[in-house]
Amino acid sequence: MRAIGTIIAVGLIVTTAIPAIAADSMSMMKGNEVITIMPDGHMGMMTMTDAKMMGSMMKMAKPLDHCVMLMTDAKGMTYMVDTSSKAAMAECEKMAK
């Protein structure tokens, strides 16, 4: 009877810990990761292991010099917010912290 209680307690701990670990792993990108976001809101992530492929993609890339904000509406369409104004930039930076 005590073993069943222990198994249930461990199960509850694991069930609550997994989403926290998953959320933590999504907080920052690691080196050689590429994230794609489609207009309908679905995302993809890939780690580049081929140095030649990563080099060719880096030729197309531009470094970010400001905060970028994306949002999805109730219909599932994804929008990029223009953060060129000081107010929008301040809101974006506040959300990113």
N, C-alpha and C. Protein backbone atom coordinates (compact mmCIF):
# COMPACT_ATOMS: atom_id res chain seq x y z
N MET A 1 0.82 -1.19 0.00
CA MET A 1 0.00 0.00 0.00
C MET A 1 0.87 1.26 0.00
N ARG A 2 1.96 1.22 0.76
CA ARG A 2 2.85 2.36 0.82
C ARG A 2 3.55 2.57 -0.52
N ALA A 3 3.86 1.50 -1.23
CA ALA A 3 4.52 1.59 -2.54
C ALA A 3 3.60 2.28 -3.55
N ILE A 4 2.32 2.00 -3.49
CA ILE A 4 1.37 2.64 -4.41
C ILE A 4 1.32 4.15 -4.16
N GLY A 5 1.32 4.54 -2.90
CA GLY A 5 1.34 5.97 -2.56
C GLY A 5 2.60 6.65 -3.06
N THR A 6 3.73 5.96 -2.93
CA THR A 6 4.99 6.52 -3.41
C THR A 6 4.98 6.66 -4.92
N ILE A 7 4.48 5.66 -5.61
CA ILE A 7 4.40 5.71 -7.07
C ILE A 7 3.50 6.85 -7.52
N ILE A 8 2.38 7.05 -6.87
CA ILE A 8 1.47 8.14 -7.22
C ILE A 8 2.14 9.49 -6.97
N ALA A 9 2.84 9.62 -5.84
CA ALA A 9 3.53 10.89 -5.53
C ALA A 9 4.61 11.19 -6.56
N VAL A 10 5.40 10.19 -6.93
CA VAL A 10 6.44 10.38 -7.94
C VAL A 10 5.81 10.74 -9.28
N GLY A 11 4.71 10.09 -9.62
CA GLY A 11 4.01 10.39 -10.87
C GLY A 11 3.52 11.83 -10.92
N LEU A 12 2.98 12.32 -9.81
CA LEU A 12 2.52 13.71 -9.75
C LEU A 12 3.68 14.69 -9.88
N ILE A 13 4.80 14.38 -9.24
CA ILE A 13 5.97 15.25 -9.32
C ILE A 13 6.49 15.30 -10.75
N VAL A 14 6.59 14.15 -11.40
CA VAL A 14 7.08 14.10 -12.78
C VAL A 14 6.11 14.84 -13.70
N THR A 15 4.82 14.65 -13.50
CA THR A 15 3.82 15.30 -14.34
C THR A 15 3.90 16.82 -14.25
N THR A 16 4.19 17.34 -13.09
CA THR A 16 4.30 18.80 -12.94
C THR A 16 5.67 19.32 -13.33
N ALA A 17 6.70 18.50 -13.27
CA ALA A 17 8.06 18.96 -13.57
C ALA A 17 8.34 19.03 -15.07
N ILE A 18 7.78 18.12 -15.85
CA ILE A 18 8.07 18.07 -17.28
C ILE A 18 7.69 19.36 -18.00
N PRO A 19 6.49 19.93 -17.81
CA PRO A 19 6.20 21.19 -18.50
C PRO A 19 7.13 22.33 -18.08
N ALA A 20 7.55 22.36 -16.84
CA ALA A 20 8.47 23.41 -16.39
C ALA A 20 9.82 23.26 -17.07
N ILE A 21 10.29 22.04 -17.21
CA ILE A 21 11.57 21.80 -17.88
C ILE A 21 11.45 22.15 -19.36
N ALA A 22 10.34 21.79 -19.99
CA ALA A 22 10.14 22.10 -21.41
C ALA A 22 10.06 23.61 -21.63
N ALA A 23 9.38 24.33 -20.77
CA ALA A 23 9.28 25.78 -20.89
C ALA A 23 10.64 26.43 -20.72
N ASP A 24 11.44 25.90 -19.82
CA ASP A 24 12.77 26.46 -19.59
C ASP A 24 13.67 26.24 -20.80
N SER A 25 13.53 25.10 -21.46
CA SER A 25 14.39 24.82 -22.61
C SER A 25 14.01 25.66 -23.82
N MET A 26 12.81 26.21 -23.86
CA MET A 26 12.38 27.04 -24.98
C MET A 26 12.70 28.52 -24.77
N SER A 27 13.25 28.87 -23.63
CA SER A 27 13.42 30.29 -23.32
C SER A 27 14.51 30.96 -24.15
N MET A 28 15.57 30.27 -24.47
CA MET A 28 16.65 30.88 -25.24
C MET A 28 17.15 29.88 -26.28
N MET A 29 17.59 30.41 -27.40
CA MET A 29 18.14 29.54 -28.43
C MET A 29 19.58 29.17 -28.08
N LYS A 30 19.96 28.00 -28.48
CA LYS A 30 21.33 27.55 -28.32
C LYS A 30 22.06 27.80 -29.63
N GLY A 31 23.35 27.61 -29.64
CA GLY A 31 24.14 27.78 -30.85
C GLY A 31 23.71 26.83 -31.95
N ASN A 32 23.73 27.27 -33.19
CA ASN A 32 23.40 26.49 -34.38
C ASN A 32 21.93 26.09 -34.47
N GLU A 33 21.04 26.76 -33.75
CA GLU A 33 19.61 26.46 -33.85
C GLU A 33 18.95 27.43 -34.83
N VAL A 34 17.99 26.91 -35.58
CA VAL A 34 17.20 27.70 -36.51
C VAL A 34 15.74 27.48 -36.16
N ILE A 35 14.99 28.58 -36.00
CA ILE A 35 13.56 28.50 -35.71
C ILE A 35 12.81 29.12 -36.87
N THR A 36 11.79 28.43 -37.34
CA THR A 36 10.93 28.95 -38.40
C THR A 36 9.53 29.16 -37.84
N ILE A 37 8.88 30.23 -38.27
CA ILE A 37 7.51 30.52 -37.85
C ILE A 37 6.70 30.79 -39.11
N MET A 38 5.65 30.02 -39.30
CA MET A 38 4.80 30.15 -40.47
C MET A 38 3.67 31.14 -40.18
N PRO A 39 3.06 31.71 -41.22
CA PRO A 39 1.98 32.68 -41.02
C PRO A 39 0.79 32.13 -40.23
N ASP A 40 0.56 30.82 -40.29
CA ASP A 40 -0.56 30.25 -39.53
C ASP A 40 -0.19 29.95 -38.08
N GLY A 41 1.04 30.31 -37.67
CA GLY A 41 1.43 30.19 -36.28
C GLY A 41 2.23 28.96 -35.91
N HIS A 42 2.29 27.94 -36.77
CA HIS A 42 3.07 26.77 -36.35
C HIS A 42 4.56 27.03 -36.54
N MET A 43 5.33 26.38 -35.69
CA MET A 43 6.76 26.63 -35.63
C MET A 43 7.55 25.35 -35.89
N GLY A 44 8.78 25.54 -36.26
CA GLY A 44 9.71 24.43 -36.39
C GLY A 44 11.06 24.85 -35.86
N MET A 45 11.81 23.90 -35.33
CA MET A 45 13.14 24.20 -34.82
C MET A 45 14.08 23.09 -35.27
N MET A 46 15.29 23.49 -35.65
CA MET A 46 16.26 22.51 -36.10
C MET A 46 17.64 22.96 -35.64
N THR A 47 18.47 22.03 -35.24
CA THR A 47 19.86 22.31 -34.92
C THR A 47 20.70 21.95 -36.13
N MET A 48 21.47 22.92 -36.60
CA MET A 48 22.32 22.71 -37.77
C MET A 48 23.59 21.99 -37.34
N THR A 49 23.82 20.82 -37.91
CA THR A 49 25.05 20.09 -37.62
C THR A 49 26.06 20.21 -38.76
N ASP A 50 25.57 20.58 -39.93
CA ASP A 50 26.43 20.72 -41.10
C ASP A 50 26.98 22.15 -41.16
N ALA A 51 28.28 22.29 -40.99
CA ALA A 51 28.91 23.62 -40.96
C ALA A 51 28.75 24.35 -42.30
N LYS A 52 28.81 23.62 -43.41
CA LYS A 52 28.66 24.24 -44.73
C LYS A 52 27.25 24.80 -44.90
N MET A 53 26.25 24.04 -44.47
CA MET A 53 24.86 24.50 -44.57
C MET A 53 24.62 25.71 -43.66
N MET A 54 25.19 25.68 -42.46
CA MET A 54 25.05 26.80 -41.53
C MET A 54 25.72 28.04 -42.11
N GLY A 55 26.88 27.88 -42.73
CA GLY A 55 27.56 29.00 -43.35
C GLY A 55 26.76 29.63 -44.47
N SER A 56 26.12 28.80 -45.30
CA SER A 56 25.32 29.35 -46.40
C SER A 56 24.07 30.06 -45.87
N MET A 57 23.49 29.56 -44.78
CA MET A 57 22.33 30.23 -44.19
C MET A 57 22.74 31.54 -43.52
N MET A 58 23.92 31.58 -42.92
CA MET A 58 24.39 32.80 -42.26
C MET A 58 24.61 33.93 -43.27
N LYS A 59 24.90 33.58 -44.52
CA LYS A 59 25.05 34.62 -45.55
C LYS A 59 23.73 35.34 -45.80
N MET A 60 22.60 34.65 -45.61
CA MET A 60 21.27 35.26 -45.80
C MET A 60 20.80 35.99 -44.55
N ALA A 61 21.40 35.71 -43.41
CA ALA A 61 20.90 36.22 -42.13
C ALA A 61 21.41 37.62 -41.82
N LYS A 62 20.62 38.34 -41.04
CA LYS A 62 21.02 39.66 -40.53
C LYS A 62 20.90 39.62 -39.01
N PRO A 63 21.84 40.19 -38.30
CA PRO A 63 21.74 40.19 -36.83
C PRO A 63 20.60 41.09 -36.36
N LEU A 64 19.97 40.71 -35.25
CA LEU A 64 18.91 41.53 -34.67
C LEU A 64 19.55 42.68 -33.90
N ASP A 65 19.05 43.87 -34.12
CA ASP A 65 19.56 45.02 -33.38
C ASP A 65 18.49 45.62 -32.47
N HIS A 66 17.32 44.99 -32.43
CA HIS A 66 16.23 45.47 -31.58
C HIS A 66 15.32 44.31 -31.21
N CYS A 67 14.39 44.58 -30.33
CA CYS A 67 13.43 43.58 -29.88
C CYS A 67 12.42 43.29 -31.00
N VAL A 68 12.08 42.03 -31.19
CA VAL A 68 11.11 41.62 -32.20
C VAL A 68 9.90 41.04 -31.49
N MET A 69 8.71 41.47 -31.89
CA MET A 69 7.49 41.00 -31.25
C MET A 69 6.58 40.35 -32.29
N LEU A 70 6.16 39.13 -32.01
CA LEU A 70 5.21 38.41 -32.84
C LEU A 70 3.95 38.14 -32.02
N MET A 71 2.79 38.15 -32.67
CA MET A 71 1.56 37.83 -31.95
C MET A 71 0.64 37.03 -32.87
N THR A 72 -0.22 36.23 -32.26
CA THR A 72 -1.16 35.41 -33.00
C THR A 72 -2.57 35.81 -32.61
N ASP A 73 -3.45 35.98 -33.60
CA ASP A 73 -4.83 36.36 -33.30
C ASP A 73 -5.68 35.13 -33.01
N ALA A 74 -6.94 35.33 -32.73
CA ALA A 74 -7.85 34.23 -32.36
C ALA A 74 -8.04 33.23 -33.51
N LYS A 75 -7.85 33.67 -34.75
CA LYS A 75 -8.01 32.79 -35.91
C LYS A 75 -6.75 31.98 -36.19
N GLY A 76 -5.64 32.31 -35.48
CA GLY A 76 -4.40 31.56 -35.66
C GLY A 76 -3.42 32.20 -36.61
N MET A 77 -3.73 33.39 -37.13
CA MET A 77 -2.82 34.09 -38.03
C MET A 77 -1.73 34.80 -37.22
N THR A 78 -0.49 34.72 -37.66
CA THR A 78 0.63 35.32 -36.94
C THR A 78 0.98 36.68 -37.55
N TYR A 79 1.26 37.65 -36.67
CA TYR A 79 1.60 39.01 -37.09
C TYR A 79 2.91 39.41 -36.43
N MET A 80 3.70 40.23 -37.15
CA MET A 80 4.92 40.81 -36.59
C MET A 80 4.62 42.26 -36.27
N VAL A 81 4.89 42.67 -35.04
CA VAL A 81 4.60 44.03 -34.58
C VAL A 81 5.77 44.93 -34.93
N ASP A 82 5.47 46.11 -35.46
CA ASP A 82 6.49 47.11 -35.76
C ASP A 82 6.94 47.74 -34.45
N THR A 83 8.19 47.49 -34.07
CA THR A 83 8.70 48.01 -32.80
C THR A 83 9.67 49.16 -33.02
N SER A 84 9.47 49.92 -34.10
CA SER A 84 10.37 51.03 -34.38
C SER A 84 10.12 52.25 -33.50
N SER A 85 8.92 52.40 -32.93
CA SER A 85 8.66 53.53 -32.04
C SER A 85 9.20 53.22 -30.64
N LYS A 86 9.46 54.27 -29.88
CA LYS A 86 10.01 54.08 -28.53
C LYS A 86 9.02 53.35 -27.63
N ALA A 87 7.72 53.65 -27.76
CA ALA A 87 6.70 53.01 -26.92
C ALA A 87 6.61 51.51 -27.20
N ALA A 88 6.61 51.16 -28.49
CA ALA A 88 6.54 49.74 -28.86
C ALA A 88 7.80 49.00 -28.43
N MET A 89 8.96 49.65 -28.57
CA MET A 89 10.22 49.02 -28.15
C MET A 89 10.24 48.80 -26.64
N ALA A 90 9.76 49.79 -25.88
CA ALA A 90 9.72 49.65 -24.43
C ALA A 90 8.78 48.51 -24.02
N GLU A 91 7.65 48.39 -24.68
CA GLU A 91 6.70 47.31 -24.37
C GLU A 91 7.31 45.95 -24.72
N CYS A 92 7.98 45.86 -25.85
CA CYS A 92 8.61 44.62 -26.27
C CYS A 92 9.70 44.20 -25.28
N GLU A 93 10.53 45.14 -24.87
CA GLU A 93 11.60 44.83 -23.93
C GLU A 93 11.03 44.44 -22.56
N LYS A 94 9.92 45.07 -22.16
CA LYS A 94 9.28 44.74 -20.89
C LYS A 94 8.75 43.30 -20.92
N MET A 95 8.16 42.91 -22.04
CA MET A 95 7.63 41.54 -22.17
C MET A 95 8.73 40.50 -22.23
N ALA A 96 9.88 40.87 -22.78
CA ALA A 96 10.99 39.92 -22.95
C ALA A 96 11.73 39.62 -21.67
N LYS A 97 11.52 40.41 -20.64
CA LYS A 97 12.24 40.19 -19.38
C LYS A 97 11.65 39.11 -18.56
